Amino acid sequence: MRITIAQLENRPEVGENLRAIREAIAAAGRARADLVVLPEAAMLAFGAGRLDRVAEDLDGPFATAVGEAAEAAGLVAVAGMFRPADEVLVEGRRLRRVHNTALVTGAGLHTGYDKIRLFDAFGFRESDTVAPGAERLIVDVPVREGERDTVRLGLGVCFDIRFPEHFTALAAEGAEVIALPTSWNDGPGKLGQWRTLTAARALDATCALVAVDAARPGGAAAAGAAEGPTGIGHSALIAPDGRRIVEAGYDPQLLTADLDLGELDRVRREIPVLAIREGN
């Protein structure tokens, strides 16, 4: 299975982001990738404006355009967007919340996973403006070459990474690869946490993990300074044994790598945590 990591810098304008997304998807298609994963909030950078003003359903122009690009490239694309959700009262103000959605589109698919666990941490309250999702999602991704016709892909988004049960549940339900669009916030120790958590979740689930963060605004020169959830880069394709197959740096970058599905089977035989957990 060939996978492209599209580590883009999320921008404050939807049209600009959509152009970058289309270009990344087209490049992944030229590389003959089966799957391309882009960051959380690829539609609009966090902190760039009210999310409810850009939110749209899966049949709206943003998701439709991403889907058309993925179909043209002959692959499945995963990209962060926002969908209308509900209204809540917060400190006397009525707020329209959105879903923080991982759009999954292309190769006949057009669906989305709504982030379940919201980023109410490090002084942020995502739940004020984002409604939690309710259901996990697994889809079949067609594979161009090899003995397998499809691979089972599970979804998570950013803060889900701190909850091992999300990943082990996806694996128990059949996921072999998990895509994790992310827009990580920088600060002391945050890069180390990112690397530790992503490796641990791959090991917990014995799944390959495609952990794609937004590029760090300002690049390496700004790295380490406490900042909102706008990305620190270091996206990675992680093998089911926790090994990093490829990893990006701080800046925007496209990386394409092949995932050996036979290795997935081997790791699950050698480290049968799923079977032991289920008592099989």
C-alpha atoms as a PDB file:
ATOM      1  CA  MET A   1       0.000   0.000   0.000  1.00  0.00           C
ATOM      2  CA  ARG A   2       1.409   3.369  -1.013  1.00  0.00           C
ATOM      3  CA  ILE A   3       0.682   6.314   1.276  1.00  0.00           C
ATOM      4  CA  THR A   4       1.348  10.031   0.863  1.00  0.00           C
ATOM      5  CA  ILE A   5       1.700  12.308   3.869  1.00  0.00           C
ATOM      6  CA  ALA A   6       0.668  15.846   2.898  1.00  0.00           C
ATOM      7  CA  GLN A   7       2.028  18.057   5.662  1.00  0.00           C
ATOM      8  CA  LEU A   8       0.571  21.428   4.680  1.00  0.00           C
ATOM      9  CA  GLU A   9       0.588  24.687   6.597  1.00  0.00           C
ATOM     10  CA  ASN A  10      -3.039  25.505   7.359  1.00  0.00           C
ATOM     11  CA  ARG A  11      -3.864  29.018   6.173  1.00  0.00           C
ATOM     12  CA  PRO A  12      -6.507  31.582   7.211  1.00  0.00           C
ATOM     13  CA  GLU A  13      -8.445  31.429   3.931  1.00  0.00           C
ATOM     14  CA  VAL A  14     -10.498  28.477   2.690  1.00  0.00           C
ATOM     15  CA  GLY A  15      -9.817  29.058  -1.001  1.00  0.00           C
ATOM     16  CA  GLU A  16      -6.052  29.166  -0.473  1.00  0.00           C
ATOM     17  CA  ASN A  17      -6.186  25.962   1.556  1.00  0.00           C
ATOM     18  CA  LEU A  18      -8.335  24.231  -1.055  1.00  0.00           C
ATOM     19  CA  ARG A  19      -5.820  25.055  -3.794  1.00  0.00           C
ATOM     20  CA  ALA A  20      -3.009  23.560  -1.710  1.00  0.00           C
ATOM     21  CA  ILE A  21      -5.101  20.471  -0.942  1.00  0.00           C
ATOM     22  CA  ARG A  22      -5.873  19.899  -4.618  1.00  0.00           C
ATOM     23  CA  GLU A  23      -2.205  20.265  -5.538  1.00  0.00           C
ATOM     24  CA  ALA A  24      -1.182  17.785  -2.839  1.00  0.00           C
ATOM     25  CA  ILE A  25      -3.788  15.250  -3.943  1.00  0.00           C
ATOM     26  CA  ALA A  26      -2.701  15.558  -7.570  1.00  0.00           C
ATOM     27  CA  ALA A  27       0.938  15.026  -6.559  1.00  0.00           C
ATOM     28  CA  ALA A  28      -0.045  11.940  -4.548  1.00  0.00           C
ATOM     29  CA  GLY A  29      -1.875  10.614  -7.595  1.00  0.00           C
ATOM     30  CA  ARG A  30       1.209  11.088  -9.765  1.00  0.00           C
ATOM     31  CA  ALA A  31       3.159   9.125  -7.144  1.00  0.00           C
ATOM     32  CA  ARG A  32       0.552   6.346  -7.505  1.00  0.00           C
ATOM     33  CA  ALA A  33      -0.460   6.562  -3.855  1.00  0.00           C
ATOM     34  CA  ASP A  34      -3.521   4.664  -2.672  1.00  0.00           C
ATOM     35  CA  LEU A  35      -4.100   7.039   0.245  1.00  0.00           C
ATOM     36  CA  VAL A  36      -3.180  10.649   0.970  1.00  0.00           C
ATOM     37  CA  VAL A  37      -3.700  12.108   4.439  1.00  0.00           C
ATOM     38  CA  LEU A  38      -3.767  15.851   5.127  1.00  0.00           C
ATOM     39  CA  PRO A  39      -3.932  17.723   8.453  1.00  0.00           C
ATOM     40  CA  GLU A  40      -6.821  18.416  10.771  1.00  0.00           C
ATOM     41  CA  ALA A  41      -8.343  21.849  10.026  1.00  0.00           C
ATOM     42  CA  ALA A  42      -6.995  21.709   6.468  1.00  0.00           C
ATOM     43  CA  MET A  43     -10.100  23.697   5.527  1.00  0.00           C
ATOM     44  CA  LEU A  44      -9.243  26.651   7.796  1.00  0.00           C
ATOM     45  CA  ALA A  45      -6.498  27.159  10.343  1.00  0.00           C
ATOM     46  CA  PHE A  46      -7.562  27.291  13.970  1.00  0.00           C
ATOM     47  CA  GLY A  47      -7.651  30.869  15.228  1.00  0.00           C
ATOM     48  CA  ALA A  48      -8.281  32.286  11.751  1.00  0.00           C
ATOM     49  CA  GLY A  49     -11.957  33.070  12.280  1.00  0.00           C
ATOM     50  CA  ARG A  50     -15.270  31.629  13.371  1.00  0.00           C
ATOM     51  CA  LEU A  51     -15.525  28.011  12.319  1.00  0.00           C
ATOM     52  CA  ASP A  52     -19.319  28.117  12.056  1.00  0.00           C
ATOM     53  CA  ARG A  53     -19.036  30.688   9.262  1.00  0.00           C
ATOM     54  CA  VAL A  54     -17.107  28.311   6.999  1.00  0.00           C
ATOM     55  CA  ALA A  55     -18.681  25.017   8.114  1.00  0.00           C
ATOM     56  CA  GLU A  56     -20.528  23.066   5.450  1.00  0.00           C
ATOM     57  CA  ASP A  57     -21.957  19.600   4.984  1.00  0.00           C
ATOM     58  CA  LEU A  58     -20.311  16.821   3.006  1.00  0.00           C
ATOM     59  CA  ASP A  59     -22.269  17.819  -0.098  1.00  0.00           C
ATOM     60  CA  GLY A  60     -20.965  21.414   0.097  1.00  0.00           C
ATOM     61  CA  PRO A  61     -18.435  22.986  -2.279  1.00  0.00           C
ATOM     62  CA  PHE A  62     -15.311  22.304  -0.189  1.00  0.00           C
ATOM     63  CA  ALA A  63     -15.885  18.583   0.367  1.00  0.00           C
ATOM     64  CA  THR A  64     -17.150  18.178  -3.193  1.00  0.00           C
ATOM     65  CA  ALA A  65     -14.007  19.783  -4.620  1.00  0.00           C
ATOM     66  CA  VAL A  66     -11.735  17.605  -2.479  1.00  0.00           C
ATOM     67  CA  GLY A  67     -13.700  14.539  -3.563  1.00  0.00           C
ATOM     68  CA  GLU A  68     -13.406  15.458  -7.230  1.00  0.00           C
ATOM     69  CA  ALA A  69      -9.646  15.891  -6.854  1.00  0.00           C
ATOM     70  CA  ALA A  70      -9.342  12.498  -5.140  1.00  0.00           C
ATOM     71  CA  GLU A  71     -11.441  10.765  -7.795  1.00  0.00           C
ATOM     72  CA  ALA A  72      -9.318  12.329 -10.547  1.00  0.00           C
ATOM     73  CA  ALA A  73      -6.148  11.145  -8.800  1.00  0.00           C
ATOM     74  CA  GLY A  74      -7.530   7.630  -8.318  1.00  0.00           C
ATOM     75  CA  LEU A  75      -7.030   7.487  -4.564  1.00  0.00           C
ATOM     76  CA  VAL A  76      -8.639   8.069  -1.176  1.00  0.00           C
ATOM     77  CA  ALA A  77      -7.991  11.409   0.533  1.00  0.00           C
ATOM     78  CA  VAL A  78      -8.434  12.252   4.217  1.00  0.00           C
ATOM     79  CA  ALA A  79      -8.596  15.955   5.090  1.00  0.00           C
ATOM     80  CA  GLY A  80      -9.787  18.003   8.053  1.00  0.00           C
ATOM     81  CA  MET A  81     -12.889  20.179   7.620  1.00  0.00           C
ATOM     82  CA  PHE A  82     -15.789  21.552   9.668  1.00  0.00           C
ATOM     83  CA  ARG A  83     -19.495  20.696   9.461  1.00  0.00           C
ATOM     84  CA  PRO A  84     -22.472  22.436  11.104  1.00  0.00           C
ATOM     85  CA  ALA A  85     -23.480  20.786  14.401  1.00  0.00           C
ATOM     86  CA  ASP A  86     -25.637  22.459  17.077  1.00  0.00           C
ATOM     87  CA  GLU A  87     -26.164  25.539  19.251  1.00  0.00           C
ATOM     88  CA  VAL A  88     -25.121  25.853  22.901  1.00  0.00           C
ATOM     89  CA  LEU A  89     -25.205  28.543  25.573  1.00  0.00           C
ATOM     90  CA  VAL A  90     -21.701  29.454  26.818  1.00  0.00           C
ATOM     91  CA  GLU A  91     -21.389  32.167  29.499  1.00  0.00           C
ATOM     92  CA  GLY A  92     -24.653  33.716  28.393  1.00  0.00           C
ATOM     93  CA  ARG A  93     -23.776  33.657  24.697  1.00  0.00           C
ATOM     94  CA  ARG A  94     -25.450  31.404  22.170  1.00  0.00           C
ATOM     95  CA  LEU A  95     -22.785  29.737  20.035  1.00  0.00           C
ATOM     96  CA  ARG A  96     -23.169  27.698  16.885  1.00  0.00           C
ATOM     97  CA  ARG A  97     -20.890  24.698  17.173  1.00  0.00           C
ATOM     98  CA  VAL A  98     -19.372  22.630  14.391  1.00  0.00           C
ATOM     99  CA  HIS A  99     -18.135  19.080  14.028  1.00  0.00           C
ATOM    100  CA  ASN A 100     -14.378  18.716  13.581  1.00  0.00           C
ATOM    101  CA  THR A 101     -14.536  16.248  10.711  1.00  0.00           C
ATOM    102  CA  ALA A 102     -12.003  14.063   8.928  1.00  0.00           C
ATOM    103  CA  LEU A 103     -13.391  13.963   5.393  1.00  0.00           C
ATOM    104  CA  VAL A 104     -12.751  10.602   3.689  1.00  0.00           C
ATOM    105  CA  THR A 105     -13.303  10.810  -0.043  1.00  0.00           C
ATOM    106  CA  GLY A 106     -12.326   9.343  -3.400  1.00  0.00           C
ATOM    107  CA  ALA A 107     -12.383   5.882  -4.989  1.00  0.00           C
ATOM    108  CA  GLY A 108     -16.155   5.749  -4.529  1.00  0.00           C
ATOM    109  CA  LEU A 109     -16.083   6.908  -0.889  1.00  0.00           C
ATOM    110  CA  HIS A 110     -17.506  10.165   0.454  1.00  0.00           C
ATOM    111  CA  THR A 111     -17.994  10.165   4.200  1.00  0.00           C
ATOM    112  CA  GLY A 112     -16.490  11.616   7.355  1.00  0.00           C
ATOM    113  CA  TYR A 113     -15.460  10.895  10.918  1.00  0.00           C
ATOM    114  CA  ASP A 114     -16.417  13.492  13.542  1.00  0.00           C
ATOM    115  CA  LYS A 115     -13.766  13.894  16.247  1.00  0.00           C
ATOM    116  CA  ILE A 116     -15.071  12.297  19.433  1.00  0.00           C
ATOM    117  CA  ARG A 117     -12.666  13.565  22.106  1.00  0.00           C
ATOM    118  CA  LEU A 118     -12.337  17.332  22.184  1.00  0.00           C
ATOM    119  CA  PHE A 119      -9.303  19.408  23.116  1.00  0.00           C
ATOM    120  CA  ASP A 120     -10.304  20.780  26.513  1.00  0.00           C
ATOM    121  CA  ALA A 121      -6.721  20.933  27.772  1.00  0.00           C
ATOM    122  CA  PHE A 122      -3.689  23.229  28.050  1.00  0.00           C
ATOM    123  CA  GLY A 123      -6.030  26.178  28.602  1.00  0.00           C
ATOM    124  CA  PHE A 124      -8.148  25.529  25.504  1.00  0.00           C
ATOM    125  CA  ARG A 125     -11.840  24.583  25.371  1.00  0.00           C
ATOM    126  CA  GLU A 126     -12.602  23.104  21.984  1.00  0.00           C
ATOM    127  CA  SER A 127     -15.988  21.947  23.280  1.00  0.00           C
ATOM    128  CA  ASP A 128     -17.204  25.570  23.379  1.00  0.00           C
ATOM    129  CA  THR A 129     -17.175  25.710  19.577  1.00  0.00           C
ATOM    130  CA  VAL A 130     -17.033  22.045  18.521  1.00  0.00           C
ATOM    131  CA  ALA A 131     -19.603  19.321  19.204  1.00  0.00           C
ATOM    132  CA  PRO A 132     -18.238  15.818  19.833  1.00  0.00           C
ATOM    133  CA  GLY A 133     -18.813  13.025  17.380  1.00  0.00           C
ATOM    134  CA  ALA A 134     -20.473   9.805  18.444  1.00  0.00           C
ATOM    135  CA  GLU A 135     -19.266   6.972  16.206  1.00  0.00           C
ATOM    136  CA  ARG A 136     -15.988   5.460  15.068  1.00  0.00           C
ATOM    137  CA  LEU A 137     -15.445   4.985  11.338  1.00  0.00           C
ATOM    138  CA  ILE A 138     -13.688   2.299   9.308  1.00  0.00           C
ATOM    139  CA  VAL A 139     -13.659   2.222   5.493  1.00  0.00           C
ATOM    140  CA  ASP A 140     -12.172   0.010   2.777  1.00  0.00           C
ATOM    141  CA  VAL A 141      -9.410   1.699   0.764  1.00  0.00           C
ATOM    142  CA  PRO A 142      -8.651   0.175  -2.659  1.00  0.00           C
ATOM    143  CA  VAL A 143      -5.005  -0.791  -3.235  1.00  0.00           C
ATOM    144  CA  ARG A 144      -3.473  -0.483  -6.717  1.00  0.00           C
ATOM    145  CA  GLU A 145      -0.813  -3.187  -6.438  1.00  0.00           C
ATOM    146  CA  GLY A 146      -0.089  -6.293  -4.385  1.00  0.00           C
ATOM    147  CA  GLU A 147      -2.017  -9.323  -3.239  1.00  0.00           C
ATOM    148  CA  ARG A 148      -4.700  -7.317  -1.424  1.00  0.00           C
ATOM    149  CA  ASP A 149      -7.544  -5.485  -3.159  1.00  0.00           C
ATOM    150  CA  THR A 150      -8.435  -3.316  -0.155  1.00  0.00           C
ATOM    151  CA  VAL A 151      -7.136  -2.269   3.250  1.00  0.00           C
ATOM    152  CA  ARG A 152      -9.315  -1.447   6.254  1.00  0.00           C
ATOM    153  CA  LEU A 153      -8.725   2.166   7.315  1.00  0.00           C
ATOM    154  CA  GLY A 154      -9.801   3.538  10.692  1.00  0.00           C
ATOM    155  CA  LEU A 155      -9.996   7.217  11.599  1.00  0.00           C
ATOM    156  CA  GLY A 156      -9.006   9.410  14.510  1.00  0.00           C
ATOM    157  CA  VAL A 157      -8.397  13.147  14.851  1.00  0.00           C
ATOM    158  CA  CYS A 158      -5.679  14.872  16.923  1.00  0.00           C
ATOM    159  CA  PHE A 159      -6.681  14.706  20.627  1.00  0.00           C
ATOM    160  CA  ASP A 160      -8.066  11.192  20.097  1.00  0.00           C
ATOM    161  CA  ILE A 161      -4.386  10.147  20.229  1.00  0.00           C
ATOM    162  CA  ARG A 162      -4.404  10.464  24.037  1.00  0.00           C
ATOM    163  CA  PHE A 163      -7.064   7.747  24.358  1.00  0.00           C
ATOM    164  CA  PRO A 164      -5.652   4.270  23.651  1.00  0.00           C
ATOM    165  CA  GLU A 165      -9.112   2.701  23.733  1.00  0.00           C
ATOM    166  CA  HIS A 166     -10.091   4.516  20.542  1.00  0.00           C
ATOM    167  CA  PHE A 167      -7.288   2.818  18.637  1.00  0.00           C
ATOM    168  CA  THR A 168      -7.676  -0.626  20.160  1.00  0.00           C
ATOM    169  CA  ALA A 169     -11.425  -0.470  19.448  1.00  0.00           C
ATOM    170  CA  LEU A 170     -10.737   0.363  15.796  1.00  0.00           C
ATOM    171  CA  ALA A 171      -8.310  -2.541  15.580  1.00  0.00           C
ATOM    172  CA  ALA A 172     -10.805  -4.912  17.217  1.00  0.00           C
ATOM    173  CA  GLU A 173     -13.359  -3.808  14.618  1.00  0.00           C
ATOM    174  CA  GLY A 174     -10.992  -4.674  11.777  1.00  0.00           C
ATOM    175  CA  ALA A 175      -8.841  -1.604  11.135  1.00  0.00           C
ATOM    176  CA  GLU A 176      -5.360  -2.329   9.781  1.00  0.00           C
ATOM    177  CA  VAL A 177      -4.230   1.240   9.117  1.00  0.00           C
ATOM    178  CA  ILE A 178      -5.380   4.318  11.070  1.00  0.00           C
ATOM    179  CA  ALA A 179      -5.290   7.861   9.686  1.00  0.00           C
ATOM    180  CA  LEU A 180      -4.858  10.652  12.235  1.00  0.00           C
ATOM    181  CA  PRO A 181      -5.191  14.192  10.834  1.00  0.00           C
ATOM    182  CA  THR A 182      -3.819  16.582  13.454  1.00  0.00           C
ATOM    183  CA  SER A 183      -3.136  20.246  14.213  1.00  0.00           C
ATOM    184  CA  TRP A 184      -0.916  19.879  17.305  1.00  0.00           C
ATOM    185  CA  ASN A 185      -0.151  22.798  19.577  1.00  0.00           C
ATOM    186  CA  ASP A 186       3.473  23.651  20.259  1.00  0.00           C
ATOM    187  CA  GLY A 187       5.101  24.215  23.630  1.00  0.00           C
ATOM    188  CA  PRO A 188       7.702  22.690  25.953  1.00  0.00           C
ATOM    189  CA  GLY A 189       7.815  18.926  25.544  1.00  0.00           C
ATOM    190  CA  LYS A 190       5.031  18.777  22.953  1.00  0.00           C
ATOM    191  CA  LEU A 191       7.148  17.287  20.151  1.00  0.00           C
ATOM    192  CA  GLY A 192       8.337  14.534  22.464  1.00  0.00           C
ATOM    193  CA  GLN A 193       4.756  13.816  23.497  1.00  0.00           C
ATOM    194  CA  TRP A 194       3.710  13.647  19.838  1.00  0.00           C
ATOM    195  CA  ARG A 195       6.398  11.109  19.000  1.00  0.00           C
ATOM    196  CA  THR A 196       5.697   9.015  22.095  1.00  0.00           C
ATOM    197  CA  LEU A 197       1.920   8.987  21.701  1.00  0.00           C
ATOM    198  CA  THR A 198       1.920   8.131  18.001  1.00  0.00           C
ATOM    199  CA  ALA A 199       4.340   5.238  18.458  1.00  0.00           C
ATOM    200  CA  ALA A 200       2.380   3.965  21.454  1.00  0.00           C
ATOM    201  CA  ARG A 201      -0.958   4.005  19.631  1.00  0.00           C
ATOM    202  CA  ALA A 202       0.490   2.037  16.717  1.00  0.00           C
ATOM    203  CA  LEU A 203       1.813  -0.518  19.200  1.00  0.00           C
ATOM    204  CA  ASP A 204      -1.430  -0.631  21.211  1.00  0.00           C
ATOM    205  CA  ALA A 205      -3.451  -1.468  18.116  1.00  0.00           C
ATOM    206  CA  THR A 206      -0.756  -3.237  16.077  1.00  0.00           C
ATOM    207  CA  CYS A 207      -1.915  -1.019  13.225  1.00  0.00           C
ATOM    208  CA  ALA A 208       0.068   1.209  10.924  1.00  0.00           C
ATOM    209  CA  LEU A 209      -0.573   4.844  11.842  1.00  0.00           C
ATOM    210  CA  VAL A 210      -0.583   7.719   9.358  1.00  0.00           C
ATOM    211  CA  ALA A 211      -0.191  10.660  11.742  1.00  0.00           C
ATOM    212  CA  VAL A 212      -0.324  13.878   9.721  1.00  0.00           C
ATOM    213  CA  ASP A 213       0.147  17.175  11.510  1.00  0.00           C
ATOM    214  CA  ALA A 214       0.012  20.666  10.046  1.00  0.00           C
ATOM    215  CA  ALA A 215       3.383  22.250   9.296  1.00  0.00           C
ATOM    216  CA  ARG A 216       4.743  24.564  12.010  1.00  0.00           C
ATOM    217  CA  PRO A 217       3.998  28.226  11.184  1.00  0.00           C
ATOM    218  CA  GLY A 218       7.384  29.942  11.191  1.00  0.00           C
ATOM    219  CA  GLY A 219       9.204  26.633  10.772  1.00  0.00           C
ATOM    220  CA  ALA A 220      12.064  25.445  12.951  1.00  0.00           C
ATOM    221  CA  ALA A 221      12.916  29.008  14.017  1.00  0.00           C
ATOM    222  CA  ALA A 222       9.626  29.227  15.939  1.00  0.00           C
ATOM    223  CA  ALA A 223       9.675  25.680  17.268  1.00  0.00           C
ATOM    224  CA  GLY A 224       9.139  25.019  20.956  1.00  0.00           C
ATOM    225  CA  ALA A 225       7.337  28.256  21.765  1.00  0.00           C
ATOM    226  CA  ALA A 226       3.924  27.805  23.349  1.00  0.00           C
ATOM    227  CA  GLU A 227       1.287  28.440  20.721  1.00  0.00           C
ATOM    228  CA  GLY A 228      -2.250  27.470  19.788  1.00  0.00           C
ATOM    229  CA  PRO A 229      -3.119  24.269  17.934  1.00  0.00           C
ATOM    230  CA  THR A 230      -1.714  25.266  14.551  1.00  0.00           C
ATOM    231  CA  GLY A 231       0.781  22.448  14.019  1.00  0.00           C
ATOM    232  CA  ILE A 232       4.354  21.455  14.772  1.00  0.00           C
ATOM    233  CA  GLY A 233       4.975  19.249  11.735  1.00  0.00           C
ATOM    234  CA  HIS A 234       6.768  15.916  12.212  1.00  0.00           C
ATOM    235  CA  SER A 235       4.056  13.951  10.462  1.00  0.00           C
ATOM    236  CA  ALA A 236       4.951  10.283  10.224  1.00  0.00           C
ATOM    237  CA  LEU A 237       4.025   6.899   8.844  1.00  0.00           C
ATOM    238  CA  ILE A 238       4.477   4.522  11.755  1.00  0.00           C
ATOM    239  CA  ALA A 239       4.715   0.757  11.418  1.00  0.00           C
ATOM    240  CA  PRO A 240       2.633  -1.525  13.669  1.00  0.00           C
ATOM    241  CA  ASP A 241       5.760  -2.237  15.730  1.00  0.00           C
ATOM    242  CA  GLY A 242       6.120   1.487  16.524  1.00  0.00           C
ATOM    243  CA  ARG A 243       8.946   2.138  14.070  1.00  0.00           C
ATOM    244  CA  ARG A 244       8.841   5.395  12.103  1.00  0.00           C
ATOM    245  CA  ILE A 245       9.005   4.515   8.407  1.00  0.00           C
ATOM    246  CA  VAL A 246       9.209   8.175   7.360  1.00  0.00           C
ATOM    247  CA  GLU A 247       8.957  11.428   9.302  1.00  0.00           C
ATOM    248  CA  ALA A 248       8.714  15.036   8.128  1.00  0.00           C
ATOM    249  CA  GLY A 249      10.341  18.082   9.679  1.00  0.00           C
ATOM    250  CA  TYR A 250       8.722  21.379  10.676  1.00  0.00           C
ATOM    251  CA  ASP A 251       8.050  22.782   7.196  1.00  0.00           C
ATOM    252  CA  PRO A 252       5.440  21.906   4.548  1.00  0.00           C
ATOM    253  CA  GLN A 253       6.384  18.614   2.939  1.00  0.00           C
ATOM    254  CA  LEU A 254       4.983  15.741   0.877  1.00  0.00           C
ATOM    255  CA  LEU A 255       6.320  12.275   1.697  1.00  0.00           C
ATOM    256  CA  THR A 256       5.322   9.071  -0.083  1.00  0.00           C
ATOM    257  CA  ALA A 257       6.204   5.644   1.284  1.00  0.00           C
ATOM    258  CA  ASP A 258       5.188   2.040   0.802  1.00  0.00           C
ATOM    259  CA  LEU A 259       3.615   0.127   3.670  1.00  0.00           C
ATOM    260  CA  ASP A 260       4.351  -3.601   3.651  1.00  0.00           C
ATOM    261  CA  LEU A 261       1.036  -5.241   4.494  1.00  0.00           C
ATOM    262  CA  GLY A 262       2.857  -8.505   5.084  1.00  0.00           C
ATOM    263  CA  GLU A 263       4.675  -6.809   7.961  1.00  0.00           C
ATOM    264  CA  LEU A 264       1.315  -5.971   9.521  1.00  0.00           C
ATOM    265  CA  ASP A 265       0.394  -9.654   9.503  1.00  0.00           C
ATOM    266  CA  ARG A 266       3.812 -10.628  10.879  1.00  0.00           C
ATOM    267  CA  VAL A 267       3.658  -8.139  13.769  1.00  0.00           C
ATOM    268  CA  ARG A 268       0.183  -9.313  14.714  1.00  0.00           C
ATOM    269  CA  ARG A 269       1.415 -12.910  14.826  1.00  0.00           C
ATOM    270  CA  GLU A 270       4.487 -12.042  16.889  1.00  0.00           C
ATOM    271  CA  ILE A 271       2.744  -9.560  19.223  1.00  0.00           C
ATOM    272  CA  PRO A 272      -0.839 -10.882  19.391  1.00  0.00           C
ATOM    273  CA  VAL A 273      -2.130  -8.213  21.768  1.00  0.00           C
ATOM    274  CA  LEU A 274      -5.478  -8.005  19.978  1.00  0.00           C
ATOM    275  CA  ALA A 275      -6.139 -11.712  20.355  1.00  0.00           C
ATOM    276  CA  ILE A 276      -4.972 -11.749  23.976  1.00  0.00           C
ATOM    277  CA  ARG A 277      -7.087  -8.691  24.809  1.00  0.00           C
ATOM    278  CA  GLU A 278     -10.171 -10.414  23.422  1.00  0.00           C
ATOM    279  CA  GLY A 279      -9.302 -13.667  25.175  1.00  0.00           C
ATOM    280  CA  ASN A 280      -8.874 -15.604  21.931  1.00  0.00           C
END
